[in-house]
Amino acid sequence: MTDAGKRPLRVLLAKPRGFCAGVERAIEIVERALATYGPPVYVRHEIVHNKHVVETLRAKGAVFVEELDEVPPGAVTVFSAHGVSTAVEKEARKRELPVIDATCPLVTKVHKEGRNHARKGREVILIGHAGHPEVEGTQGRIPGGVHLVSSAADVPHVQVLDPLNVAYVTQTTLSVDDTREIIDALRARFPAIKGPDVNDICYATQNRQQAVRDLATQVDLLLVVGARNSSNSNRLREIGAEIGVPSYLIDDASCLEPAWLADAGTIGVTAGASAPEQLVQELIERLGDFGEIRVEELTGADEHMQFKLPRQLAPAPADA
């Protein structure tokens, strides 16, 4: 029944939004490990950047640690979706920890590209954000180390031994536009540089960014559900702000500020690749406290990507 006292509020949902295949795989890995080996299962770093996901898994018996020295001898250990350095992998092997690697296959692809360039004698430049777990893992995967650049302004300060023998790789969750600008700057400075266009930015990141561009032109307010430490979620909010729409990154519905809605008749909602759809639905329910909601989902890319589970957790073949 319509509440005559409520103003109409139109809510537009971005498509796609929320979980990507790499996040779904990582969460399933922890859940299957708990079911297969029993709790506790130790996870190095947050499995993905979302406190709701982490707390749900913690309640099931996952124990999240920062470093391997916090893992008891012989305990099942999961590496997060962001990947780890070779040094961390060697430490786990030295301690004989049974490891299950939940690194996103698209991050693993970047690691392989970087090592391939290093094998060919090229100095590698990594486009990414300092301190991000994915960047730390990639830095520790490429022999000889990397030069890290976070913006086009960093490019003039890169010092290489041979400007004709340079390559680059990228963090998978960056802004497509910013990364393209950095690549252009690198190619201008090092015309012989090897590397892809923006192909190392994962398909899900690109799809979500395009969906937000489409969404932001049609709304008065943009709400992005995601964690503060989620790189891809931050990029979604930034895109809205660049288009000129008031844009906010929120953990969940409890973070919604009623004042944001004062001049908003149409509200855009999306979610970062680590944010569960349940949080989006709870936000929509919360918005219903401020108006008579009409929800529409925009058209967008259909995602059907699925990644195989690690061999330790892969389902057994069905009996013939």
C-alpha atoms as a PDB file:
ATOM      1  CA  MET A   1       0.000   0.000   0.000  1.00  0.00           C
ATOM      2  CA  THR A   2       1.371   3.429  -0.940  1.00  0.00           C
ATOM      3  CA  ASP A   3       2.242   5.703   1.943  1.00  0.00           C
ATOM      4  CA  ALA A   4       0.806   9.073   0.904  1.00  0.00           C
ATOM      5  CA  GLY A   5       3.129  10.840   3.318  1.00  0.00           C
ATOM      6  CA  LYS A   6       6.282   9.706   1.520  1.00  0.00           C
ATOM      7  CA  ARG A   7       7.854  11.441  -1.452  1.00  0.00           C
ATOM      8  CA  PRO A   8       8.664   9.369  -4.538  1.00  0.00           C
ATOM      9  CA  LEU A   9      12.265   8.155  -4.740  1.00  0.00           C
ATOM     10  CA  ARG A  10      13.662   6.501  -7.845  1.00  0.00           C
ATOM     11  CA  VAL A  11      16.548   4.093  -7.250  1.00  0.00           C
ATOM     12  CA  LEU A  12      18.693   3.065 -10.234  1.00  0.00           C
ATOM     13  CA  LEU A  13      20.920   0.006  -9.794  1.00  0.00           C
ATOM     14  CA  ALA A  14      24.145  -0.351 -11.768  1.00  0.00           C
ATOM     15  CA  LYS A  15      24.733  -3.547 -13.707  1.00  0.00           C
ATOM     16  CA  PRO A  16      27.040  -5.273 -13.084  1.00  0.00           C
ATOM     17  CA  ARG A  17      27.780  -4.561  -9.430  1.00  0.00           C
ATOM     18  CA  GLY A  18      29.073  -6.463  -6.416  1.00  0.00           C
ATOM     19  CA  PHE A  19      30.912  -9.767  -6.361  1.00  0.00           C
ATOM     20  CA  CYS A  20      33.197 -10.689  -9.246  1.00  0.00           C
ATOM     21  CA  ALA A  21      34.340 -14.220 -10.118  1.00  0.00           C
ATOM     22  CA  GLY A  22      37.651 -13.824  -8.254  1.00  0.00           C
ATOM     23  CA  VAL A  23      35.893 -12.772  -5.038  1.00  0.00           C
ATOM     24  CA  GLU A  24      33.296 -15.540  -5.319  1.00  0.00           C
ATOM     25  CA  ARG A  25      36.112 -18.056  -5.802  1.00  0.00           C
ATOM     26  CA  ALA A  26      38.084 -16.749  -2.811  1.00  0.00           C
ATOM     27  CA  ILE A  27      35.085 -16.918  -0.481  1.00  0.00           C
ATOM     28  CA  GLU A  28      34.190 -20.398  -1.712  1.00  0.00           C
ATOM     29  CA  ILE A  29      37.774 -21.516  -1.094  1.00  0.00           C
ATOM     30  CA  VAL A  30      37.588 -20.516   2.576  1.00  0.00           C
ATOM     31  CA  GLU A  31      34.138 -22.084   3.000  1.00  0.00           C
ATOM     32  CA  ARG A  32      35.222 -25.333   1.340  1.00  0.00           C
ATOM     33  CA  ALA A  33      38.433 -25.431   3.371  1.00  0.00           C
ATOM     34  CA  LEU A  34      36.393 -25.111   6.564  1.00  0.00           C
ATOM     35  CA  ALA A  35      34.043 -27.861   5.416  1.00  0.00           C
ATOM     36  CA  THR A  36      36.883 -30.146   4.288  1.00  0.00           C
ATOM     37  CA  TYR A  37      39.422 -29.689   7.073  1.00  0.00           C
ATOM     38  CA  GLY A  38      37.264 -28.269   9.856  1.00  0.00           C
ATOM     39  CA  PRO A  39      37.907 -25.039  11.747  1.00  0.00           C
ATOM     40  CA  PRO A  40      40.069 -23.230  12.382  1.00  0.00           C
ATOM     41  CA  VAL A  41      41.404 -22.336   8.945  1.00  0.00           C
ATOM     42  CA  TYR A  42      43.917 -19.490   8.919  1.00  0.00           C
ATOM     43  CA  VAL A  43      43.702 -16.760   6.284  1.00  0.00           C
ATOM     44  CA  ARG A  44      46.583 -14.393   5.628  1.00  0.00           C
ATOM     45  CA  HIS A  45      45.100 -10.877   5.386  1.00  0.00           C
ATOM     46  CA  GLU A  46      41.438 -10.221   4.671  1.00  0.00           C
ATOM     47  CA  ILE A  47      40.352 -12.780   2.083  1.00  0.00           C
ATOM     48  CA  VAL A  48      38.731  -9.860   0.238  1.00  0.00           C
ATOM     49  CA  HIS A  49      38.327  -6.227   1.276  1.00  0.00           C
ATOM     50  CA  ASN A  50      34.959  -6.329   3.000  1.00  0.00           C
ATOM     51  CA  LYS A  51      34.391  -6.509   6.743  1.00  0.00           C
ATOM     52  CA  HIS A  52      30.965  -8.171   6.360  1.00  0.00           C
ATOM     53  CA  VAL A  53      32.487 -11.009   4.340  1.00  0.00           C
ATOM     54  CA  VAL A  54      35.345 -11.330   6.825  1.00  0.00           C
ATOM     55  CA  GLU A  55      33.030 -11.382   9.855  1.00  0.00           C
ATOM     56  CA  THR A  56      30.749 -13.985   8.238  1.00  0.00           C
ATOM     57  CA  LEU A  57      33.729 -16.268   7.580  1.00  0.00           C
ATOM     58  CA  ARG A  58      35.168 -15.600  11.030  1.00  0.00           C
ATOM     59  CA  ALA A  59      31.888 -16.765  12.572  1.00  0.00           C
ATOM     60  CA  LYS A  60      32.294 -20.032  10.644  1.00  0.00           C
ATOM     61  CA  GLY A  61      35.802 -20.626  12.011  1.00  0.00           C
ATOM     62  CA  ALA A  62      38.194 -18.670   9.800  1.00  0.00           C
ATOM     63  CA  VAL A  63      41.024 -16.921  11.643  1.00  0.00           C
ATOM     64  CA  PHE A  64      42.481 -13.868   9.912  1.00  0.00           C
ATOM     65  CA  VAL A  65      46.137 -13.061  10.515  1.00  0.00           C
ATOM     66  CA  GLU A  66      48.518 -10.456   9.162  1.00  0.00           C
ATOM     67  CA  GLU A  67      51.596 -12.656   8.877  1.00  0.00           C
ATOM     68  CA  LEU A  68      52.426 -16.356   8.780  1.00  0.00           C
ATOM     69  CA  ASP A  69      54.207 -16.342  12.141  1.00  0.00           C
ATOM     70  CA  GLU A  70      50.727 -16.067  13.685  1.00  0.00           C
ATOM     71  CA  VAL A  71      49.719 -19.421  12.133  1.00  0.00           C
ATOM     72  CA  PRO A  72      50.246 -22.485  14.389  1.00  0.00           C
ATOM     73  CA  PRO A  73      52.400 -25.314  13.020  1.00  0.00           C
ATOM     74  CA  GLY A  74      50.536 -27.559  10.598  1.00  0.00           C
ATOM     75  CA  ALA A  75      47.429 -25.343  10.360  1.00  0.00           C
ATOM     76  CA  VAL A  76      45.605 -25.057   7.030  1.00  0.00           C
ATOM     77  CA  THR A  77      46.468 -21.652   5.575  1.00  0.00           C
ATOM     78  CA  VAL A  78      44.741 -19.676   2.825  1.00  0.00           C
ATOM     79  CA  PHE A  79      46.404 -16.880   0.847  1.00  0.00           C
ATOM     80  CA  SER A  80      44.007 -14.020   0.089  1.00  0.00           C
ATOM     81  CA  ALA A  81      42.659 -13.087  -3.347  1.00  0.00           C
ATOM     82  CA  HIS A  82      45.224 -10.271  -3.581  1.00  0.00           C
ATOM     83  CA  GLY A  83      48.196 -12.618  -3.919  1.00  0.00           C
ATOM     84  CA  VAL A  84      51.436 -12.927  -1.960  1.00  0.00           C
ATOM     85  CA  SER A  85      55.128 -12.423  -2.572  1.00  0.00           C
ATOM     86  CA  THR A  86      57.537 -15.245  -3.316  1.00  0.00           C
ATOM     87  CA  ALA A  87      59.057 -14.699   0.136  1.00  0.00           C
ATOM     88  CA  VAL A  88      55.714 -15.417   1.842  1.00  0.00           C
ATOM     89  CA  GLU A  89      55.257 -18.531  -0.284  1.00  0.00           C
ATOM     90  CA  LYS A  90      58.771 -19.738   0.640  1.00  0.00           C
ATOM     91  CA  GLU A  91      58.143 -19.087   4.327  1.00  0.00           C
ATOM     92  CA  ALA A  92      54.985 -21.209   4.200  1.00  0.00           C
ATOM     93  CA  ARG A  93      56.900 -23.984   2.444  1.00  0.00           C
ATOM     94  CA  LYS A  94      59.723 -23.790   4.999  1.00  0.00           C
ATOM     95  CA  ARG A  95      57.202 -24.127   7.841  1.00  0.00           C
ATOM     96  CA  GLU A  96      55.479 -26.952   5.938  1.00  0.00           C
ATOM     97  CA  LEU A  97      52.104 -25.237   6.224  1.00  0.00           C
ATOM     98  CA  PRO A  98      49.349 -26.812   4.102  1.00  0.00           C
ATOM     99  CA  VAL A  99      48.553 -23.840   1.864  1.00  0.00           C
ATOM    100  CA  ILE A 100      45.522 -23.186  -0.320  1.00  0.00           C
ATOM    101  CA  ASP A 101      46.097 -20.298  -2.693  1.00  0.00           C
ATOM    102  CA  ALA A 102      43.027 -18.084  -3.274  1.00  0.00           C
ATOM    103  CA  THR A 103      44.917 -15.545  -5.404  1.00  0.00           C
ATOM    104  CA  CYS A 104      42.641 -14.268  -8.160  1.00  0.00           C
ATOM    105  CA  PRO A 105      43.725 -15.871 -11.458  1.00  0.00           C
ATOM    106  CA  LEU A 106      43.823 -12.426 -13.069  1.00  0.00           C
ATOM    107  CA  VAL A 107      46.350 -11.287 -10.438  1.00  0.00           C
ATOM    108  CA  THR A 108      48.367 -14.456 -11.075  1.00  0.00           C
ATOM    109  CA  LYS A 109      48.360 -13.520 -14.774  1.00  0.00           C
ATOM    110  CA  VAL A 110      49.986 -10.165 -13.934  1.00  0.00           C
ATOM    111  CA  HIS A 111      52.625 -11.966 -11.830  1.00  0.00           C
ATOM    112  CA  LYS A 112      53.443 -14.217 -14.786  1.00  0.00           C
ATOM    113  CA  GLU A 113      53.685 -11.283 -17.179  1.00  0.00           C
ATOM    114  CA  GLY A 114      56.048  -9.457 -14.840  1.00  0.00           C
ATOM    115  CA  ARG A 115      58.295 -12.502 -14.402  1.00  0.00           C
ATOM    116  CA  ASN A 116      58.334 -13.066 -18.144  1.00  0.00           C
ATOM    117  CA  HIS A 117      59.540  -9.508 -18.742  1.00  0.00           C
ATOM    118  CA  ALA A 118      62.195  -9.902 -16.036  1.00  0.00           C
ATOM    119  CA  ARG A 119      63.410 -13.157 -17.619  1.00  0.00           C
ATOM    120  CA  LYS A 120      63.904 -11.251 -20.869  1.00  0.00           C
ATOM    121  CA  GLY A 121      66.082  -8.736 -19.053  1.00  0.00           C
ATOM    122  CA  ARG A 122      63.574  -5.900 -18.936  1.00  0.00           C
ATOM    123  CA  GLU A 123      63.176  -3.582 -15.981  1.00  0.00           C
ATOM    124  CA  VAL A 124      59.548  -3.715 -14.859  1.00  0.00           C
ATOM    125  CA  ILE A 125      57.406  -0.725 -13.918  1.00  0.00           C
ATOM    126  CA  LEU A 126      54.317  -1.537 -11.851  1.00  0.00           C
ATOM    127  CA  ILE A 127      51.350   0.834 -12.091  1.00  0.00           C
ATOM    128  CA  GLY A 128      49.577   0.638  -8.738  1.00  0.00           C
ATOM    129  CA  HIS A 129      48.978   2.033  -5.265  1.00  0.00           C
ATOM    130  CA  ALA A 130      51.747   1.716  -2.677  1.00  0.00           C
ATOM    131  CA  GLY A 131      50.778  -0.405   0.308  1.00  0.00           C
ATOM    132  CA  HIS A 132      47.916  -2.236  -1.380  1.00  0.00           C
ATOM    133  CA  PRO A 133      48.196  -6.008  -0.712  1.00  0.00           C
ATOM    134  CA  GLU A 134      48.009  -6.827  -4.428  1.00  0.00           C
ATOM    135  CA  VAL A 135      50.832  -4.405  -5.178  1.00  0.00           C
ATOM    136  CA  GLU A 136      52.968  -5.780  -2.351  1.00  0.00           C
ATOM    137  CA  GLY A 137      52.423  -9.304  -3.647  1.00  0.00           C
ATOM    138  CA  THR A 138      53.273  -8.330  -7.235  1.00  0.00           C
ATOM    139  CA  GLN A 139      56.387  -6.414  -6.124  1.00  0.00           C
ATOM    140  CA  GLY A 140      57.563  -9.564  -4.374  1.00  0.00           C
ATOM    141  CA  ARG A 141      56.896 -11.813  -7.362  1.00  0.00           C
ATOM    142  CA  ILE A 142      59.102 -10.156  -9.962  1.00  0.00           C
ATOM    143  CA  PRO A 143      62.852 -10.899  -9.788  1.00  0.00           C
ATOM    144  CA  GLY A 144      64.981  -7.777  -9.507  1.00  0.00           C
ATOM    145  CA  GLY A 145      62.113  -5.745  -8.087  1.00  0.00           C
ATOM    146  CA  VAL A 146      59.942  -3.154  -9.788  1.00  0.00           C
ATOM    147  CA  HIS A 147      59.585   0.601 -10.140  1.00  0.00           C
ATOM    148  CA  LEU A 148      56.207   1.620  -8.682  1.00  0.00           C
ATOM    149  CA  VAL A 149      54.251   4.509 -10.232  1.00  0.00           C
ATOM    150  CA  SER A 150      50.854   5.645  -8.958  1.00  0.00           C
ATOM    151  CA  SER A 151      50.187   8.591 -11.270  1.00  0.00           C
ATOM    152  CA  ALA A 152      51.429  10.200 -14.468  1.00  0.00           C
ATOM    153  CA  ALA A 153      53.277  12.700 -12.275  1.00  0.00           C
ATOM    154  CA  ASP A 154      55.504   9.858 -11.014  1.00  0.00           C
ATOM    155  CA  VAL A 155      56.699   8.902 -14.500  1.00  0.00           C
ATOM    156  CA  PRO A 156      59.397  11.596 -14.959  1.00  0.00           C
ATOM    157  CA  HIS A 157      61.054  10.407 -11.727  1.00  0.00           C
ATOM    158  CA  VAL A 158      61.507   6.782 -12.851  1.00  0.00           C
ATOM    159  CA  GLN A 159      65.195   6.000 -13.382  1.00  0.00           C
ATOM    160  CA  VAL A 160      66.013   2.903 -15.445  1.00  0.00           C
ATOM    161  CA  LEU A 161      69.308   1.442 -16.604  1.00  0.00           C
ATOM    162  CA  ASP A 162      68.261   1.087 -20.247  1.00  0.00           C
ATOM    163  CA  PRO A 163      65.277   3.092 -21.583  1.00  0.00           C
ATOM    164  CA  LEU A 164      65.092   0.678 -24.530  1.00  0.00           C
ATOM    165  CA  ASN A 165      64.587  -2.342 -22.275  1.00  0.00           C
ATOM    166  CA  VAL A 166      61.572  -1.536 -20.086  1.00  0.00           C
ATOM    167  CA  ALA A 167      58.143  -3.084 -19.533  1.00  0.00           C
ATOM    168  CA  TYR A 168      55.116  -2.387 -17.357  1.00  0.00           C
ATOM    169  CA  VAL A 169      52.305  -4.290 -15.654  1.00  0.00           C
ATOM    170  CA  THR A 170      49.347  -2.949 -13.679  1.00  0.00           C
ATOM    171  CA  GLN A 171      47.377  -3.569 -10.519  1.00  0.00           C
ATOM    172  CA  THR A 172      44.076  -5.152 -11.558  1.00  0.00           C
ATOM    173  CA  THR A 173      41.694  -2.806  -9.703  1.00  0.00           C
ATOM    174  CA  LEU A 174      42.741   0.644 -10.916  1.00  0.00           C
ATOM    175  CA  SER A 175      40.816   3.394 -12.663  1.00  0.00           C
ATOM    176  CA  VAL A 176      40.794   2.653 -16.389  1.00  0.00           C
ATOM    177  CA  ASP A 177      41.082   6.364 -17.254  1.00  0.00           C
ATOM    178  CA  ASP A 178      43.923   7.056 -14.813  1.00  0.00           C
ATOM    179  CA  THR A 179      45.811   3.975 -15.930  1.00  0.00           C
ATOM    180  CA  ARG A 180      45.491   4.921 -19.587  1.00  0.00           C
ATOM    181  CA  GLU A 181      46.946   8.354 -18.732  1.00  0.00           C
ATOM    182  CA  ILE A 182      49.893   6.732 -16.931  1.00  0.00           C
ATOM    183  CA  ILE A 183      50.505   4.328 -19.821  1.00  0.00           C
ATOM    184  CA  ASP A 184      50.499   7.260 -22.267  1.00  0.00           C
ATOM    185  CA  ALA A 185      53.062   9.042 -20.070  1.00  0.00           C
ATOM    186  CA  LEU A 186      55.240   5.919 -19.903  1.00  0.00           C
ATOM    187  CA  ARG A 187      55.113   5.449 -23.676  1.00  0.00           C
ATOM    188  CA  ALA A 188      55.998   9.090 -24.230  1.00  0.00           C
ATOM    189  CA  ARG A 189      59.053   8.766 -21.968  1.00  0.00           C
ATOM    190  CA  PHE A 190      60.019   5.220 -23.005  1.00  0.00           C
ATOM    191  CA  PRO A 191      58.858   4.711 -26.625  1.00  0.00           C
ATOM    192  CA  ALA A 192      60.172   1.127 -26.671  1.00  0.00           C
ATOM    193  CA  ILE A 193      58.304   0.090 -23.502  1.00  0.00           C
ATOM    194  CA  LYS A 194      56.484  -3.256 -23.595  1.00  0.00           C
ATOM    195  CA  GLY A 195      53.080  -3.886 -22.050  1.00  0.00           C
ATOM    196  CA  PRO A 196      49.341  -4.114 -22.697  1.00  0.00           C
ATOM    197  CA  ASP A 197      46.924  -1.195 -23.094  1.00  0.00           C
ATOM    198  CA  VAL A 198      44.667  -1.448 -20.029  1.00  0.00           C
ATOM    199  CA  ASN A 199      44.194  -5.194 -20.420  1.00  0.00           C
ATOM    200  CA  ASP A 200      45.690  -6.029 -17.034  1.00  0.00           C
ATOM    201  CA  ILE A 201      42.838  -4.184 -15.356  1.00  0.00           C
ATOM    202  CA  CYS A 202      40.389  -6.981 -14.722  1.00  0.00           C
ATOM    203  CA  TYR A 203      37.216  -7.352 -16.766  1.00  0.00           C
ATOM    204  CA  ALA A 204      35.041  -6.959 -13.642  1.00  0.00           C
ATOM    205  CA  THR A 205      36.719  -3.697 -12.645  1.00  0.00           C
ATOM    206  CA  GLN A 206      36.274  -2.310 -16.142  1.00  0.00           C
ATOM    207  CA  ASN A 207      32.643  -3.430 -16.331  1.00  0.00           C
ATOM    208  CA  ARG A 208      31.771  -1.864 -12.972  1.00  0.00           C
ATOM    209  CA  GLN A 209      33.465   1.398 -13.880  1.00  0.00           C
ATOM    210  CA  GLN A 210      31.590   1.599 -17.195  1.00  0.00           C
ATOM    211  CA  ALA A 211      28.322   0.813 -15.402  1.00  0.00           C
ATOM    212  CA  VAL A 212      28.923   3.693 -12.984  1.00  0.00           C
ATOM    213  CA  ARG A 213      29.652   6.081 -15.859  1.00  0.00           C
ATOM    214  CA  ASP A 214      26.325   5.120 -17.398  1.00  0.00           C
ATOM    215  CA  LEU A 215      24.557   5.406 -14.041  1.00  0.00           C
ATOM    216  CA  ALA A 216      26.046   8.688 -12.832  1.00  0.00           C
ATOM    217  CA  THR A 217      24.669  10.696 -15.763  1.00  0.00           C
ATOM    218  CA  GLN A 218      21.113   9.775 -14.728  1.00  0.00           C
ATOM    219  CA  VAL A 219      21.113  10.368 -10.956  1.00  0.00           C
ATOM    220  CA  ASP A 220      21.214  13.145  -8.367  1.00  0.00           C
ATOM    221  CA  LEU A 221      23.183  11.094  -5.849  1.00  0.00           C
ATOM    222  CA  LEU A 222      25.511   8.073  -6.107  1.00  0.00           C
ATOM    223  CA  LEU A 223      25.929   5.554  -3.294  1.00  0.00           C
ATOM    224  CA  VAL A 224      28.722   2.986  -3.602  1.00  0.00           C
ATOM    225  CA  VAL A 225      28.580   0.046  -1.203  1.00  0.00           C
ATOM    226  CA  GLY A 226      32.109  -1.050  -0.415  1.00  0.00           C
ATOM    227  CA  ALA A 227      34.987  -0.924   2.030  1.00  0.00           C
ATOM    228  CA  ARG A 228      37.269   2.085   2.525  1.00  0.00           C
ATOM    229  CA  ASN A 229      40.301  -0.097   1.809  1.00  0.00           C
ATOM    230  CA  SER A 230      38.788  -1.518  -1.391  1.00  0.00           C
ATOM    231  CA  SER A 231      40.639  -0.025  -4.356  1.00  0.00           C
ATOM    232  CA  ASN A 232      37.939  -0.817  -6.898  1.00  0.00           C
ATOM    233  CA  SER A 233      35.180   0.596  -4.653  1.00  0.00           C
ATOM    234  CA  ASN A 234      37.065   3.866  -4.222  1.00  0.00           C
ATOM    235  CA  ARG A 235      37.426   4.156  -7.997  1.00  0.00           C
ATOM    236  CA  LEU A 236      33.639   3.831  -8.433  1.00  0.00           C
ATOM    237  CA  ARG A 237      33.000   6.716  -6.047  1.00  0.00           C
ATOM    238  CA  GLU A 238      35.680   8.814  -7.752  1.00  0.00           C
ATOM    239  CA  ILE A 239      34.059   8.313 -11.158  1.00  0.00           C
ATOM    240  CA  GLY A 240      30.753   9.639  -9.844  1.00  0.00           C
ATOM    241  CA  ALA A 241      32.481  12.643  -8.300  1.00  0.00           C
ATOM    242  CA  GLU A 242      34.367  13.381 -11.526  1.00  0.00           C
ATOM    243  CA  ILE A 243      31.061  13.393 -13.422  1.00  0.00           C
ATOM    244  CA  GLY A 244      29.813  15.967 -10.912  1.00  0.00           C
ATOM    245  CA  VAL A 245      27.389  13.868  -8.882  1.00  0.00           C
ATOM    246  CA  PRO A 246      27.525  13.872  -5.054  1.00  0.00           C
ATOM    247  CA  SER A 247      29.053  10.439  -4.440  1.00  0.00           C
ATOM    248  CA  TYR A 248      29.601   8.509  -1.229  1.00  0.00           C
ATOM    249  CA  LEU A 249      31.367   5.245  -0.379  1.00  0.00           C
ATOM    250  CA  ILE A 250      29.578   3.469   2.465  1.00  0.00           C
ATOM    251  CA  ASP A 251      30.176   0.167   4.259  1.00  0.00           C
ATOM    252  CA  ASP A 252      26.472  -0.589   4.571  1.00  0.00           C
ATOM    253  CA  ALA A 253      23.012   0.922   5.100  1.00  0.00           C
ATOM    254  CA  SER A 254      23.869   2.120   8.598  1.00  0.00           C
ATOM    255  CA  CYS A 255      26.287   4.651   7.080  1.00  0.00           C
ATOM    256  CA  LEU A 256      23.598   6.414   5.038  1.00  0.00           C
ATOM    257  CA  GLU A 257      23.232  10.078   6.031  1.00  0.00           C
ATOM    258  CA  PRO A 258      19.655  11.364   5.584  1.00  0.00           C
ATOM    259  CA  ALA A 259      20.990  14.829   4.687  1.00  0.00           C
ATOM    260  CA  TRP A 260      22.434  13.389   1.444  1.00  0.00           C
ATOM    261  CA  LEU A 261      18.893  12.699   0.230  1.00  0.00           C
ATOM    262  CA  ALA A 262      17.564  16.240   0.666  1.00  0.00           C
ATOM    263  CA  ASP A 263      17.805  17.205  -3.019  1.00  0.00           C
ATOM    264  CA  ALA A 264      17.877  13.728  -4.537  1.00  0.00           C
ATOM    265  CA  GLY A 265      14.916  12.441  -6.511  1.00  0.00           C
ATOM    266  CA  THR A 266      16.914   9.768  -8.322  1.00  0.00           C
ATOM    267  CA  ILE A 267      19.547   7.796  -6.418  1.00  0.00           C
ATOM    268  CA  GLY A 268      22.150   5.592  -8.067  1.00  0.00           C
ATOM    269  CA  VAL A 269      23.382   2.509  -6.218  1.00  0.00           C
ATOM    270  CA  THR A 270      26.289   0.231  -7.024  1.00  0.00           C
ATOM    271  CA  ALA A 271      28.698  -1.994  -5.112  1.00  0.00           C
ATOM    272  CA  GLY A 272      32.391  -2.780  -5.293  1.00  0.00           C
ATOM    273  CA  ALA A 273      33.586  -6.215  -6.373  1.00  0.00           C
ATOM    274  CA  SER A 274      33.988  -7.363  -2.749  1.00  0.00           C
ATOM    275  CA  ALA A 275      30.558  -6.233  -1.507  1.00  0.00           C
ATOM    276  CA  PRO A 276      27.738  -8.792  -1.086  1.00  0.00           C
ATOM    277  CA  GLU A 277      24.415  -8.127  -2.837  1.00  0.00           C
ATOM    278  CA  GLN A 278      22.703  -8.458   0.544  1.00  0.00           C
ATOM    279  CA  LEU A 279      24.236  -5.107   1.527  1.00  0.00           C
ATOM    280  CA  VAL A 280      22.748  -3.470  -1.567  1.00  0.00           C
ATOM    281  CA  GLN A 281      19.303  -4.841  -0.744  1.00  0.00           C
ATOM    282  CA  GLU A 282      19.596  -3.637   2.854  1.00  0.00           C
ATOM    283  CA  LEU A 283      20.499  -0.175   1.561  1.00  0.00           C
ATOM    284  CA  ILE A 284      17.431  -0.129  -0.692  1.00  0.00           C
ATOM    285  CA  GLU A 285      15.300  -1.124   2.305  1.00  0.00           C
ATOM    286  CA  ARG A 286      16.832   1.722   4.305  1.00  0.00           C
ATOM    287  CA  LEU A 287      16.133   4.195   1.502  1.00  0.00           C
ATOM    288  CA  GLY A 288      12.498   3.146   1.806  1.00  0.00           C
ATOM    289  CA  ASP A 289      12.415   4.927   5.162  1.00  0.00           C
ATOM    290  CA  PHE A 290      12.764   8.242   3.309  1.00  0.00           C
ATOM    291  CA  GLY A 291      10.430   7.823   0.361  1.00  0.00           C
ATOM    292  CA  GLU A 292       8.225   5.625  -1.771  1.00  0.00           C
ATOM    293  CA  ILE A 293      10.862   3.595  -3.625  1.00  0.00           C
ATOM    294  CA  ARG A 294      10.754   2.616  -7.278  1.00  0.00           C
ATOM    295  CA  VAL A 295      13.745   0.409  -8.137  1.00  0.00           C
ATOM    296  CA  GLU A 296      15.081  -0.045 -11.668  1.00  0.00           C
ATOM    297  CA  GLU A 297      18.172  -1.944 -12.809  1.00  0.00           C
ATOM    298  CA  LEU A 298      20.037  -0.527 -15.773  1.00  0.00           C
ATOM    299  CA  THR A 299      21.151  -2.729 -18.630  1.00  0.00           C
ATOM    300  CA  GLY A 300      24.822  -3.602 -18.636  1.00  0.00           C
ATOM    301  CA  ALA A 301      27.411  -6.289 -19.249  1.00  0.00           C
ATOM    302  CA  ASP A 302      26.421  -9.857 -18.389  1.00  0.00           C
ATOM    303  CA  GLU A 303      29.224 -11.641 -16.560  1.00  0.00           C
ATOM    304  CA  HIS A 304      29.565 -15.400 -16.831  1.00  0.00           C
ATOM    305  CA  MET A 305      33.222 -15.805 -15.852  1.00  0.00           C
ATOM    306  CA  GLN A 306      34.014 -18.663 -13.480  1.00  0.00           C
ATOM    307  CA  PHE A 307      37.418 -19.669 -12.153  1.00  0.00           C
ATOM    308  CA  LYS A 308      38.457 -23.181 -11.200  1.00  0.00           C
ATOM    309  CA  LEU A 309      39.010 -24.020  -7.562  1.00  0.00           C
ATOM    310  CA  PRO A 310      42.476 -25.110  -6.352  1.00  0.00           C
ATOM    311  CA  ARG A 311      43.083 -28.816  -6.834  1.00  0.00           C
ATOM    312  CA  GLN A 312      42.848 -29.528  -3.061  1.00  0.00           C
ATOM    313  CA  LEU A 313      39.232 -28.334  -3.033  1.00  0.00           C
ATOM    314  CA  ALA A 314      38.018 -29.213  -6.520  1.00  0.00           C
ATOM    315  CA  PRO A 315      34.931 -31.451  -6.461  1.00  0.00           C
ATOM    316  CA  ALA A 316      35.685 -35.099  -7.136  1.00  0.00           C
ATOM    317  CA  PRO A 317      34.615 -36.289 -10.579  1.00  0.00           C
ATOM    318  CA  ALA A 318      31.191 -37.924 -10.578  1.00  0.00           C
ATOM    319  CA  ASP A 319      31.296 -41.685 -10.593  1.00  0.00           C
ATOM    320  CA  ALA A 320      30.726 -43.136 -14.044  1.00  0.00           C
END
